[in-house]
Protein backbone atom coordinates (compact mmCIF):
# COMPACT_ATOMS: atom_id res chain seq x y z
CA MET A 1 72.73 -9.07 -63.71
CA LYS A 2 69.85 -6.68 -63.88
CA HIS A 3 67.44 -9.57 -64.55
CA ASN A 4 68.73 -11.47 -61.51
CA PHE A 5 68.43 -8.38 -59.37
CA LEU A 6 64.77 -7.98 -60.29
CA ASN A 7 64.08 -11.63 -59.48
CA ILE A 8 65.76 -11.23 -56.06
CA LYS A 9 63.78 -8.03 -55.41
CA ASN A 10 60.45 -9.68 -56.37
CA ASN A 11 61.19 -12.71 -54.18
CA THR A 12 62.05 -10.43 -51.24
CA LEU A 13 58.74 -8.55 -51.65
CA ARG A 14 56.80 -11.82 -51.74
CA VAL A 15 58.43 -12.96 -48.49
CA LEU A 16 57.75 -9.58 -46.87
CA PHE A 17 54.03 -9.55 -47.85
CA THR A 18 53.62 -13.19 -46.75
CA THR A 19 55.22 -12.43 -43.38
CA LEU A 20 52.97 -9.35 -42.86
CA ALA A 21 49.85 -11.31 -43.77
CA MET A 22 50.66 -14.14 -41.37
CA GLY A 23 51.43 -11.65 -38.65
CA SER A 24 48.05 -9.97 -39.14
CA LEU A 25 46.27 -13.31 -38.83
CA VAL A 26 48.09 -14.15 -35.62
CA PHE A 27 47.28 -10.68 -34.24
CA MET A 28 43.58 -11.01 -35.12
CA ALA A 29 43.42 -14.47 -33.55
CA GLY A 30 45.09 -13.12 -30.43
CA CYS A 31 42.52 -10.33 -30.19
CA ASP A 32 39.66 -12.83 -30.45
CA ASP A 33 41.13 -14.95 -27.67
CA ASP A 34 41.65 -11.94 -25.41
CA ASP A 35 38.21 -10.39 -25.88
CA PRO A 36 36.47 -10.40 -22.49
CA GLU A 37 33.29 -12.39 -22.19
CA LYS A 38 30.14 -10.66 -21.10
CA GLU A 39 29.84 -10.91 -17.34
CA ASN A 40 26.63 -11.29 -15.35
CA VAL A 41 26.88 -8.50 -12.82
CA PRO A 42 24.29 -7.20 -10.35
CA GLU A 43 22.03 -4.43 -11.61
CA LEU A 44 22.62 -0.92 -10.26
CA ILE A 45 19.47 -0.08 -8.30
CA THR A 46 19.14 3.24 -6.47
CA LYS A 47 15.43 3.08 -5.55
CA VAL A 48 13.02 0.31 -4.64
CA THR A 49 9.29 0.97 -4.28
CA LEU A 50 6.87 -1.52 -2.76
CA THR A 51 3.24 -0.79 -3.59
CA PHE A 52 0.54 -2.57 -1.57
CA THR A 53 -2.85 -2.34 -3.33
CA PRO A 54 -5.92 -3.64 -1.36
CA ILE A 55 -7.82 -6.27 -3.33
CA GLY A 56 -11.42 -5.09 -3.44
CA GLY A 57 -10.66 -1.44 -2.85
CA GLY A 58 -9.06 0.70 -0.15
CA THR A 59 -6.00 2.86 0.44
CA THR A 60 -2.86 2.00 -1.47
CA VAL A 61 0.32 1.98 0.63
CA GLU A 62 3.82 2.67 -0.73
CA ALA A 63 7.15 2.01 0.97
CA THR A 64 10.51 2.99 -0.50
CA ALA A 65 14.19 2.39 -0.04
CA THR A 66 16.80 4.63 -1.69
CA ASP A 67 20.54 4.66 -2.21
CA PRO A 68 21.75 8.17 -1.23
CA ASP A 69 25.08 8.03 -3.05
CA GLY A 70 24.40 5.91 -6.15
CA GLU A 71 27.60 3.98 -6.90
CA GLY A 72 29.15 5.04 -3.59
CA VAL A 73 29.78 2.98 -0.52
CA GLN A 74 26.34 3.43 1.06
CA GLU A 75 23.65 0.78 0.57
CA LEU A 76 19.91 1.08 0.01
CA THR A 77 18.27 2.60 3.07
CA VAL A 78 14.56 2.31 3.90
CA ASP A 79 12.68 5.60 4.00
CA GLY A 80 10.11 4.59 6.60
CA PRO A 81 7.96 1.76 7.88
CA ILE A 82 5.22 -0.19 6.04
CA ASN A 83 1.80 0.59 7.55
CA LEU A 84 -0.99 -1.82 6.58
CA ALA A 85 -4.55 -2.38 7.78
CA THR A 86 -5.55 -5.53 9.67
CA GLU A 87 -7.44 -8.37 7.93
CA THR A 88 -6.78 -6.99 4.48
CA ARG A 89 -5.59 -8.76 1.36
CA TYR A 90 -3.03 -6.80 -0.68
CA THR A 91 -1.28 -7.28 -3.98
CA MET A 92 2.28 -6.01 -3.63
CA THR A 93 4.22 -4.94 -6.75
CA ILE A 94 7.87 -3.94 -6.83
CA GLU A 95 9.47 -1.17 -8.90
CA LEU A 96 13.24 -0.95 -9.33
CA ILE A 97 14.96 2.20 -10.66
CA ASN A 98 18.49 3.22 -11.58
CA GLY A 99 18.27 6.89 -10.65
CA LEU A 100 21.72 7.67 -12.08
CA LEU A 101 20.13 7.52 -15.53
CA GLN A 102 17.36 9.57 -17.15
CA PRO A 103 13.80 8.12 -17.36
CA THR A 104 14.22 8.07 -21.13
CA ASP A 105 17.24 5.73 -20.89
CA ASP A 106 16.65 2.04 -21.59
CA GLU A 107 18.17 0.89 -18.30
CA TYR A 108 16.37 3.44 -16.03
CA PHE A 109 13.52 1.01 -15.19
CA ILE A 110 15.38 -2.00 -13.86
CA THR A 111 11.97 -3.64 -13.27
CA GLU A 112 11.65 -4.23 -17.02
CA GLU A 113 15.10 -5.80 -17.20
CA VAL A 114 14.36 -8.12 -14.29
CA GLU A 115 11.07 -9.13 -15.90
CA GLU A 116 12.78 -9.82 -19.26
CA GLU A 117 15.45 -11.85 -17.45
CA ALA A 118 13.00 -13.66 -15.19
CA ASP A 119 14.86 -16.92 -15.67
CA GLU A 120 17.87 -15.29 -13.95
CA HIS A 121 16.10 -13.52 -11.08
CA MET A 122 14.02 -14.37 -8.03
CA PHE A 123 12.70 -12.40 -5.02
CA PHE A 124 12.79 -13.95 -1.59
CA PHE A 125 10.86 -12.68 1.43
CA ALA A 126 11.05 -12.96 5.21
CA TRP A 127 8.92 -11.51 8.01
CA THR A 128 8.59 -11.73 11.76
CA ASN A 129 5.87 -11.93 14.45
CA ASN A 130 3.21 -13.47 12.18
CA VAL A 131 2.34 -10.11 10.61
CA PHE A 132 0.60 -12.03 7.78
CA ASP A 133 -2.12 -14.65 7.95
CA SER A 134 -1.37 -15.61 4.35
CA PRO A 135 1.22 -16.68 3.58
CA SER A 136 1.78 -18.16 7.02
CA GLY A 137 5.16 -18.82 8.54
CA ASN A 138 8.17 -16.52 8.27
CA GLY A 139 9.04 -16.53 4.55
CA ASN A 140 11.35 -18.42 2.22
CA VAL A 141 14.71 -16.71 2.93
CA ASP A 142 15.67 -19.42 5.43
CA ASN A 143 13.84 -22.23 3.57
CA ARG A 144 13.06 -22.05 -0.14
CA ALA A 145 10.12 -24.44 0.27
CA ASP A 146 8.24 -22.14 2.70
CA ALA A 147 5.10 -20.46 1.44
CA VAL A 148 5.04 -17.17 -0.53
CA ASN A 149 2.05 -16.19 -2.72
CA TYR A 150 3.79 -15.42 -6.02
CA ASN A 151 1.70 -14.06 -8.90
CA ASP A 152 4.34 -14.26 -11.63
CA GLU A 153 6.87 -16.79 -12.96
CA ASP A 154 9.56 -17.30 -15.56
CA GLY A 155 9.36 -19.36 -18.72
CA ASP A 156 10.18 -22.52 -16.79
CA GLY A 157 7.32 -21.99 -14.31
CA LEU A 158 9.60 -20.85 -11.47
CA PRO A 159 8.54 -17.88 -9.33
CA LEU A 160 9.81 -14.33 -9.92
CA GLY A 161 8.21 -12.07 -7.29
CA LEU A 162 7.56 -8.65 -8.90
CA SER A 163 3.95 -9.30 -7.91
CA THR A 164 2.84 -11.18 -4.78
CA ASP A 165 -0.29 -11.40 -2.56
CA TRP A 166 -0.38 -10.84 1.22
CA THR A 167 -3.19 -11.03 3.79
CA THR A 168 -2.46 -9.17 7.00
CA ALA A 169 -3.03 -10.43 10.54
CA SER A 170 -6.42 -9.99 12.17
CA ALA A 171 -5.02 -8.12 15.18
CA PRO A 172 -2.56 -5.22 15.45
CA VAL A 173 1.07 -6.39 15.39
CA SER A 174 4.50 -5.04 14.49
CA GLY A 175 7.53 -6.81 13.00
CA THR A 176 9.96 -6.64 10.13
CA PHE A 177 9.66 -7.34 6.41
CA ARG A 178 12.71 -8.32 4.37
CA VAL A 179 12.98 -8.30 0.56
CA ILE A 180 15.90 -9.95 -1.28
CA LEU A 181 16.40 -9.98 -5.05
CA LYS A 182 18.88 -12.60 -6.26
CA HIS A 183 20.59 -12.63 -9.65
CA GLN A 184 21.03 -16.29 -10.61
CA PRO A 185 22.16 -16.68 -14.26
CA ASP A 186 22.45 -20.38 -15.09
CA LEU A 187 21.79 -21.07 -11.40
CA LYS A 188 18.06 -20.55 -10.87
CA SER A 189 16.20 -23.79 -10.32
CA ALA A 190 13.42 -25.33 -8.29
CA THR A 191 15.82 -25.65 -5.39
CA SER A 192 18.02 -22.51 -5.70
CA THR A 193 17.89 -20.44 -2.51
CA ALA A 194 18.47 -16.96 -1.18
CA ASP A 195 22.14 -17.90 -0.85
CA THR A 196 22.46 -18.73 -4.57
CA GLY A 197 23.97 -16.16 -6.97
CA GLU A 198 24.60 -12.43 -6.57
CA THR A 199 22.44 -10.10 -4.46
CA ASP A 200 20.83 -7.16 -6.30
CA VAL A 201 18.66 -6.03 -3.34
CA ASP A 202 18.57 -6.84 0.36
CA ILE A 203 16.43 -4.47 2.45
CA THR A 204 14.48 -4.81 5.68
CA PHE A 205 11.50 -2.61 6.58
CA ASP A 206 9.72 -2.20 9.89
CA ILE A 207 6.09 -3.21 9.33
CA ASP A 208 3.05 -2.24 11.40
CA ILE A 209 -0.34 -3.90 11.02
CA GLU A 210 -2.97 -1.69 12.68
């Protein structure tokens, strides 16, 4: 009887261990299935700086837009107009910052992230009242094919827009200047538009050419 009891006890332990092992495998598989996939979300940008540097020498002009409450309900707000000289060719560069972090943090300079993910980002521009002689027109927000003088591109040869060239009108004029940054993971193409993907930045400055 004692021998039979030991056999029954050993068989029971085997069944118990087998059941626990199978349960662990099911649990682990369930965890893998439920793990959330990485989402492509808009970058958190609290400050945008446009720097216009005259080609050939002259006074550099900066224009900024800031988000006064970070992750709060308020949007980026321009801090003043853009004032440029007539008949002058400028290179404009764009800096993007997440001011909720420290400058030593990897994600403080969003510019670097946008540059690294150039295949997922594109700047679009619009302006009024012919404030620029080059590019002519009113920008590519309403029509992707309209002219913008991009200086940079992604690995597929598509424009990015962290650096662009602009030649101001020959006579004094005032208008507006709009900058849009789109986040287009797996969407950016030769025909993607300002309506494609998520919007990281959408700001409009007053601009004076004088």
